[in-house]
Amino acid sequence: MFRRREPVPFAFLAEADRFRSNVTPPPGERASFHQMAGRWLLGVTIVAGLVGALVIGMPALSLDHSATQRQQSQASQGR
């Protein structure tokens, strides 16, 4: 393997955690009206889809008590 002849200073790695820059980043770009409306519409669509799936799926999740009562009544009559 190739070895470096000059020593590599690793002190900068230890100081990297303590270093604070005095340069502030530029402010972020504001979203336009269309972008904000699109995000809002996407959020409403996702929430409406989840609520719709819950409403449509509720009958499948509920217990059907009338079917179990019919089966018990037929069994009690000896059929």
Protein backbone atom coordinates (compact mmCIF):
# COMPACT_ATOMS: atom_id res chain seq x y z
CA MET A 1 0.00 0.00 0.00
CA PHE A 2 1.04 3.56 -0.56
CA ARG A 3 2.02 5.35 2.65
CA ARG A 4 2.15 9.08 3.14
CA ARG A 5 5.52 10.45 4.05
CA GLU A 6 4.33 13.64 5.76
CA PRO A 7 2.35 13.45 9.01
CA VAL A 8 -1.34 14.25 8.74
CA PRO A 9 -2.63 16.61 11.44
CA PHE A 10 -5.84 15.29 12.94
CA ALA A 11 -6.22 18.07 15.49
CA PHE A 12 -8.78 19.81 13.27
CA LEU A 13 -11.18 16.91 13.82
CA ALA A 14 -11.18 17.47 17.57
CA GLU A 15 -11.74 21.19 17.11
CA ALA A 16 -14.52 20.74 14.56
CA ASP A 17 -17.15 20.20 17.27
CA ARG A 18 -16.26 23.43 19.03
CA PHE A 19 -15.99 25.59 15.92
CA ARG A 20 -18.79 28.09 15.38
CA SER A 21 -19.05 30.07 12.21
CA ASN A 22 -19.95 33.75 12.23
CA VAL A 23 -21.52 33.44 8.78
CA THR A 24 -25.27 33.10 8.81
CA PRO A 25 -26.93 31.11 6.06
CA PRO A 26 -29.27 32.96 3.73
CA PRO A 27 -32.93 32.90 4.69
CA GLY A 28 -35.05 30.18 3.13
CA GLU A 29 -37.22 30.97 0.16
CA ARG A 30 -40.87 31.51 1.03
CA ALA A 31 -43.36 29.15 -0.52
CA SER A 32 -45.66 30.68 -3.09
CA PHE A 33 -49.43 30.73 -2.74
CA HIS A 34 -49.77 27.86 -5.20
CA GLN A 35 -47.28 25.71 -3.31
CA MET A 36 -49.03 26.34 0.02
CA ALA A 37 -52.44 25.63 -1.54
CA GLY A 38 -51.09 22.40 -3.06
CA ARG A 39 -49.68 21.24 0.28
CA TRP A 40 -52.96 22.05 2.01
CA LEU A 41 -54.95 20.24 -0.66
CA LEU A 42 -52.69 17.19 -0.42
CA GLY A 43 -53.13 17.10 3.36
CA VAL A 44 -56.90 17.37 3.10
CA THR A 45 -56.97 14.63 0.46
CA ILE A 46 -54.93 12.27 2.63
CA VAL A 47 -57.09 12.91 5.71
CA ALA A 48 -60.28 12.49 3.67
CA GLY A 49 -58.97 9.21 2.26
CA LEU A 50 -58.19 7.86 5.71
CA VAL A 51 -61.59 8.91 7.07
CA GLY A 52 -63.34 7.43 4.03
CA ALA A 53 -61.49 4.14 4.41
CA LEU A 54 -62.47 4.03 8.07
CA VAL A 55 -66.13 4.76 7.30
CA ILE A 56 -66.26 2.17 4.52
CA GLY A 57 -64.39 -0.41 6.61
CA MET A 58 -66.47 -0.05 9.77
CA PRO A 59 -69.20 -2.51 8.71
CA ALA A 60 -66.54 -5.16 8.12
CA LEU A 61 -65.10 -4.56 11.58
CA SER A 62 -68.39 -4.67 13.46
CA LEU A 63 -69.82 -7.91 14.80
CA ASP A 64 -73.05 -9.13 13.23
CA HIS A 65 -75.14 -10.16 16.23
CA SER A 66 -78.24 -11.09 14.21
CA ALA A 67 -76.40 -13.87 12.32
CA THR A 68 -75.13 -15.47 15.53
CA GLN A 69 -78.61 -15.34 17.09
CA ARG A 70 -80.15 -17.08 14.05
CA GLN A 71 -77.57 -19.86 14.22
CA GLN A 72 -78.16 -20.38 17.93
CA SER A 73 -81.93 -20.43 17.52
CA GLN A 74 -81.74 -23.04 14.75
CA ALA A 75 -79.43 -25.20 16.84
CA SER A 76 -81.72 -24.98 19.83
CA GLN A 77 -84.71 -26.16 17.73
CA GLY A 78 -82.88 -29.30 16.68
CA ARG A 79 -82.53 -28.53 13.01
